[in-house]
Amino acid sequence: MCDQSPASRKAFAASYFSKCIKCGSEDLKEVKKTEGCRHNGDAYGFTVFTCTSCQWSTRFEWDEDSDLYYYEVLLLTSR
């Protein structure tokens, strides 16, 4: 089950998506899923980040057409 709490996701984004917020490990697995592609070739989807040490995970949506690849970070930082 992905941890989608705003505080956890904000902390993970602040680590530049590179450090588990539960155990501190930097051994993360990324699984990127593409949900679609626009006529101009820009894709969009989500990435699931999972810590291989403690199995903590979270998910972020991405969009190649956005000013910020993981655009949800803008929503987290505006709270």
Protein backbone atom coordinates (compact mmCIF):
# COMPACT_ATOMS: atom_id res chain seq x y z
CA MET A 1 0.00 0.00 0.00
CA CYS A 2 1.41 3.38 -0.99
CA ASP A 3 1.84 6.08 1.64
CA GLN A 4 0.00 9.02 0.11
CA SER A 5 -0.09 11.28 3.18
CA PRO A 6 0.84 14.87 2.28
CA ALA A 7 3.52 15.07 5.00
CA SER A 8 5.27 11.88 3.83
CA ARG A 9 5.11 12.82 0.18
CA LYS A 10 6.40 16.34 0.89
CA ALA A 11 9.35 14.94 2.89
CA PHE A 12 10.15 12.43 0.14
CA ALA A 13 10.03 15.12 -2.55
CA ALA A 14 12.32 17.30 -0.38
CA SER A 15 14.88 14.46 -0.50
CA TYR A 16 14.78 14.76 -4.30
CA PHE A 17 13.01 11.39 -4.42
CA SER A 18 16.16 9.66 -3.20
CA LYS A 19 15.73 8.80 0.51
CA CYS A 20 13.14 6.67 2.29
CA ILE A 21 11.34 8.80 4.83
CA LYS A 22 10.63 5.77 7.05
CA CYS A 23 14.08 4.17 7.45
CA GLY A 24 16.46 6.62 5.73
CA SER A 25 17.68 4.13 3.12
CA GLU A 26 18.71 5.41 -0.28
CA ASP A 27 18.12 2.00 -1.86
CA LEU A 28 14.90 2.76 -3.72
CA LYS A 29 13.23 1.01 -6.63
CA GLU A 30 11.29 3.06 -9.17
CA VAL A 31 8.55 1.62 -11.35
CA LYS A 32 7.38 4.07 -13.98
CA LYS A 33 4.02 3.54 -15.64
CA THR A 34 2.85 5.46 -18.69
CA GLU A 35 -0.89 6.08 -18.72
CA GLY A 36 -1.12 7.89 -22.04
CA CYS A 37 0.49 9.94 -24.77
CA ARG A 38 -0.73 13.15 -26.35
CA HIS A 39 -0.74 13.85 -30.08
CA ASN A 40 2.41 15.98 -29.66
CA GLY A 41 4.28 12.99 -28.22
CA ASP A 42 4.29 14.09 -24.56
CA ALA A 43 3.53 11.21 -22.21
CA TYR A 44 2.06 11.20 -18.72
CA GLY A 45 1.68 8.63 -15.97
CA PHE A 46 2.97 7.83 -12.51
CA THR A 47 6.03 6.45 -10.73
CA VAL A 48 5.87 4.19 -7.69
CA PHE A 49 8.92 4.55 -5.44
CA THR A 50 9.56 1.61 -3.08
CA CYS A 51 12.25 1.29 -0.43
CA THR A 52 13.95 -2.08 -0.83
CA SER A 53 14.94 -2.09 2.87
CA CYS A 54 11.59 -1.54 4.63
CA GLN A 55 9.11 -1.72 1.72
CA TRP A 56 7.74 1.80 2.34
CA SER A 57 6.32 3.17 -0.91
CA THR A 58 4.67 6.20 -2.40
CA ARG A 59 3.49 7.28 -5.81
CA PHE A 60 3.85 10.50 -7.80
CA GLU A 61 2.18 11.46 -11.04
CA TRP A 62 4.37 12.85 -13.82
CA ASP A 63 3.77 14.71 -17.04
CA GLU A 64 6.32 15.50 -19.74
CA ASP A 65 4.28 18.57 -20.72
CA SER A 66 4.38 20.12 -17.23
CA ASP A 67 6.83 22.79 -16.09
CA LEU A 68 7.72 20.40 -13.25
CA TYR A 69 7.99 16.72 -14.19
CA TYR A 70 6.45 15.54 -10.89
CA TYR A 71 3.87 18.33 -10.95
CA GLU A 72 2.16 17.21 -7.73
CA VAL A 73 5.12 18.67 -5.82
CA LEU A 74 3.68 22.11 -6.55
CA LEU A 75 0.45 21.15 -4.79
CA LEU A 76 2.33 19.77 -1.77
CA THR A 77 4.49 22.86 -1.33
CA SER A 78 1.56 25.27 -1.63
CA ARG A 79 -0.17 23.80 1.46
